[in-house]
Amino acid sequence: MGTTKTEISPGGRAALGVLGLVQAVFAFLAFWDLAHRDAEEVRGPKPVWIPAILVNWIGPASYFLFGIRR
């Protein structure tokens, strides 16, 4: 049985690269904010947010939407 090779176009590669970069920046900003914010301003213990932020897109978004007391 033959194997199927799926190739990504150069435009597709660039788009994936940009999405990966945006996700990494989003996570970095969440970590930076968590590190510089007082514990009283964060919902729940700060160490719990560290692994949560590592979940792509959902973690940083959850931190910014639900983890910060306003």
N, C-alpha and C. Protein backbone atom coordinates (compact mmCIF):
# COMPACT_ATOMS: atom_id res chain seq x y z
N MET A 1 0.84 -1.17 0.00
CA MET A 1 0.00 0.00 0.00
C MET A 1 0.89 1.24 0.00
N GLY A 2 0.58 2.22 -0.82
CA GLY A 2 1.38 3.43 -0.92
C GLY A 2 1.07 4.42 0.19
N THR A 3 2.01 5.30 0.42
CA THR A 3 1.80 6.34 1.42
C THR A 3 1.40 7.63 0.73
N THR A 4 0.61 8.41 1.39
CA THR A 4 0.18 9.68 0.85
C THR A 4 0.97 10.78 1.52
N LYS A 5 1.51 11.67 0.72
CA LYS A 5 2.30 12.78 1.25
C LYS A 5 1.52 14.07 1.05
N THR A 6 1.24 14.73 2.16
CA THR A 6 0.53 16.00 2.09
C THR A 6 1.55 17.11 2.26
N GLU A 7 1.59 18.00 1.30
CA GLU A 7 2.52 19.11 1.38
C GLU A 7 1.76 20.40 1.67
N ILE A 8 2.41 21.25 2.41
CA ILE A 8 1.81 22.55 2.73
C ILE A 8 2.46 23.59 1.82
N SER A 9 1.63 24.43 1.26
CA SER A 9 2.14 25.46 0.35
C SER A 9 2.99 26.46 1.14
N PRO A 10 3.84 27.22 0.47
CA PRO A 10 4.63 28.24 1.17
C PRO A 10 3.76 29.25 1.91
N GLY A 11 2.63 29.61 1.34
CA GLY A 11 1.71 30.53 2.03
C GLY A 11 1.13 29.89 3.29
N GLY A 12 0.82 28.60 3.20
CA GLY A 12 0.30 27.87 4.35
C GLY A 12 1.34 27.77 5.46
N ARG A 13 2.59 27.52 5.06
CA ARG A 13 3.68 27.47 6.04
C ARG A 13 3.86 28.81 6.74
N ALA A 14 3.79 29.87 5.97
CA ALA A 14 3.93 31.21 6.55
C ALA A 14 2.79 31.49 7.52
N ALA A 15 1.57 31.11 7.14
CA ALA A 15 0.42 31.32 8.02
C ALA A 15 0.56 30.52 9.32
N LEU A 16 1.00 29.28 9.21
CA LEU A 16 1.22 28.47 10.41
C LEU A 16 2.32 29.06 11.27
N GLY A 17 3.35 29.57 10.65
CA GLY A 17 4.43 30.21 11.40
C GLY A 17 3.95 31.44 12.15
N VAL A 18 3.13 32.25 11.48
CA VAL A 18 2.58 33.45 12.13
C VAL A 18 1.67 33.05 13.28
N LEU A 19 0.81 32.05 13.08
CA LEU A 19 -0.08 31.60 14.15
C LEU A 19 0.71 31.07 15.34
N GLY A 20 1.78 30.32 15.07
CA GLY A 20 2.62 29.81 16.14
C GLY A 20 3.29 30.94 16.91
N LEU A 21 3.75 31.94 16.19
CA LEU A 21 4.39 33.09 16.83
C LEU A 21 3.40 33.87 17.68
N VAL A 22 2.19 34.08 17.16
CA VAL A 22 1.16 34.81 17.91
C VAL A 22 0.81 34.04 19.17
N GLN A 23 0.68 32.72 19.08
CA GLN A 23 0.36 31.92 20.26
C GLN A 23 1.47 32.00 21.30
N ALA A 24 2.72 31.95 20.86
CA ALA A 24 3.85 32.04 21.79
C ALA A 24 3.88 33.41 22.47
N VAL A 25 3.61 34.46 21.72
CA VAL A 25 3.57 35.81 22.31
C VAL A 25 2.42 35.93 23.29
N PHE A 26 1.26 35.37 22.97
CA PHE A 26 0.09 35.38 23.85
C PHE A 26 0.43 34.69 25.18
N ALA A 27 1.07 33.52 25.11
CA ALA A 27 1.46 32.81 26.33
C ALA A 27 2.52 33.60 27.10
N PHE A 28 3.49 34.18 26.40
CA PHE A 28 4.51 34.99 27.07
C PHE A 28 3.87 36.15 27.83
N LEU A 29 2.93 36.84 27.20
CA LEU A 29 2.27 37.96 27.85
C LEU A 29 1.49 37.51 29.09
N ALA A 30 0.85 36.35 29.00
CA ALA A 30 0.13 35.82 30.16
C ALA A 30 1.10 35.50 31.29
N PHE A 31 2.23 34.87 30.98
CA PHE A 31 3.24 34.56 32.00
C PHE A 31 3.82 35.84 32.59
N TRP A 32 4.10 36.82 31.75
CA TRP A 32 4.67 38.08 32.23
C TRP A 32 3.69 38.78 33.16
N ASP A 33 2.42 38.81 32.77
CA ASP A 33 1.40 39.44 33.60
C ASP A 33 1.27 38.70 34.93
N LEU A 34 1.24 37.38 34.88
CA LEU A 34 1.13 36.58 36.10
C LEU A 34 2.30 36.83 37.04
N ALA A 35 3.49 36.94 36.49
CA ALA A 35 4.69 37.16 37.31
C ALA A 35 4.71 38.54 37.95
N HIS A 36 4.14 39.53 37.29
CA HIS A 36 4.20 40.90 37.78
C HIS A 36 2.95 41.36 38.53
N ARG A 37 1.93 40.52 38.57
CA ARG A 37 0.68 40.89 39.23
C ARG A 37 0.71 40.37 40.67
N ASP A 38 0.19 41.15 41.61
CA ASP A 38 0.09 40.73 43.00
C ASP A 38 -0.87 39.55 43.12
N ALA A 39 -0.60 38.66 44.08
CA ALA A 39 -1.41 37.46 44.26
C ALA A 39 -2.87 37.80 44.56
N GLU A 40 -3.11 38.94 45.21
CA GLU A 40 -4.48 39.33 45.53
C GLU A 40 -5.29 39.69 44.28
N GLU A 41 -4.61 39.98 43.19
CA GLU A 41 -5.28 40.37 41.96
C GLU A 41 -5.54 39.19 41.03
N VAL A 42 -5.14 37.99 41.47
CA VAL A 42 -5.29 36.79 40.64
C VAL A 42 -6.28 35.86 41.32
N ARG A 43 -7.22 35.34 40.56
CA ARG A 43 -8.17 34.36 41.10
C ARG A 43 -7.47 33.02 41.23
N GLY A 44 -7.47 32.48 42.42
CA GLY A 44 -6.81 31.20 42.68
C GLY A 44 -5.33 31.38 42.90
N PRO A 45 -4.66 30.31 43.29
CA PRO A 45 -3.21 30.39 43.51
C PRO A 45 -2.45 30.62 42.20
N LYS A 46 -1.47 31.49 42.24
CA LYS A 46 -0.69 31.79 41.04
C LYS A 46 -0.02 30.55 40.44
N PRO A 47 0.54 29.63 41.26
CA PRO A 47 1.19 28.45 40.66
C PRO A 47 0.24 27.57 39.84
N VAL A 48 -1.05 27.61 40.14
CA VAL A 48 -2.01 26.81 39.37
C VAL A 48 -2.15 27.33 37.95
N TRP A 49 -1.93 28.62 37.75
CA TRP A 49 -2.08 29.22 36.43
C TRP A 49 -0.92 28.87 35.51
N ILE A 50 0.23 28.49 36.06
CA ILE A 50 1.40 28.20 35.21
C ILE A 50 1.11 27.07 34.22
N PRO A 51 0.71 25.87 34.69
CA PRO A 51 0.42 24.83 33.68
C PRO A 51 -0.81 25.15 32.84
N ALA A 52 -1.77 25.90 33.39
CA ALA A 52 -2.96 26.25 32.62
C ALA A 52 -2.60 27.12 31.42
N ILE A 53 -1.67 28.05 31.61
CA ILE A 53 -1.27 28.95 30.53
C ILE A 53 -0.57 28.18 29.40
N LEU A 54 0.02 27.04 29.73
CA LEU A 54 0.72 26.25 28.71
C LEU A 54 -0.22 25.57 27.71
N VAL A 55 -1.51 25.53 28.00
CA VAL A 55 -2.47 24.94 27.06
C VAL A 55 -2.70 25.95 25.94
N ASN A 56 -2.34 25.56 24.73
CA ASN A 56 -2.39 26.48 23.59
C ASN A 56 -3.72 27.21 23.48
N TRP A 57 -3.64 28.49 23.29
CA TRP A 57 -4.73 29.44 23.10
C TRP A 57 -5.70 29.47 24.28
N ILE A 58 -6.18 28.32 24.72
CA ILE A 58 -7.20 28.27 25.78
C ILE A 58 -6.63 28.75 27.11
N GLY A 59 -5.41 28.34 27.43
CA GLY A 59 -4.81 28.71 28.71
C GLY A 59 -4.61 30.21 28.87
N PRO A 60 -3.89 30.86 27.96
CA PRO A 60 -3.72 32.31 28.09
C PRO A 60 -5.04 33.07 28.03
N ALA A 61 -5.95 32.63 27.16
CA ALA A 61 -7.25 33.30 27.08
C ALA A 61 -8.01 33.15 28.39
N SER A 62 -7.97 31.96 28.98
CA SER A 62 -8.64 31.74 30.27
C SER A 62 -8.04 32.61 31.36
N TYR A 63 -6.71 32.72 31.35
CA TYR A 63 -6.07 33.56 32.36
C TYR A 63 -6.53 35.01 32.22
N PHE A 64 -6.50 35.55 31.02
CA PHE A 64 -6.88 36.94 30.83
C PHE A 64 -8.38 37.17 31.06
N LEU A 65 -9.21 36.18 30.74
CA LEU A 65 -10.65 36.35 30.91
C LEU A 65 -11.13 36.08 32.33
N PHE A 66 -10.57 35.04 32.97
CA PHE A 66 -11.10 34.59 34.25
C PHE A 66 -10.11 34.67 35.42
N GLY A 67 -8.82 34.75 35.13
CA GLY A 67 -7.83 34.69 36.19
C GLY A 67 -7.49 36.00 36.85
N ILE A 68 -7.86 37.11 36.23
CA ILE A 68 -7.51 38.41 36.76
C ILE A 68 -8.74 39.02 37.44
N ARG A 69 -8.56 39.43 38.67
CA ARG A 69 -9.66 40.12 39.38
C ARG A 69 -9.74 41.54 38.86
N ARG A 70 -10.94 41.99 38.58
CA ARG A 70 -11.12 43.36 38.08
C ARG A 70 -11.98 44.14 39.02
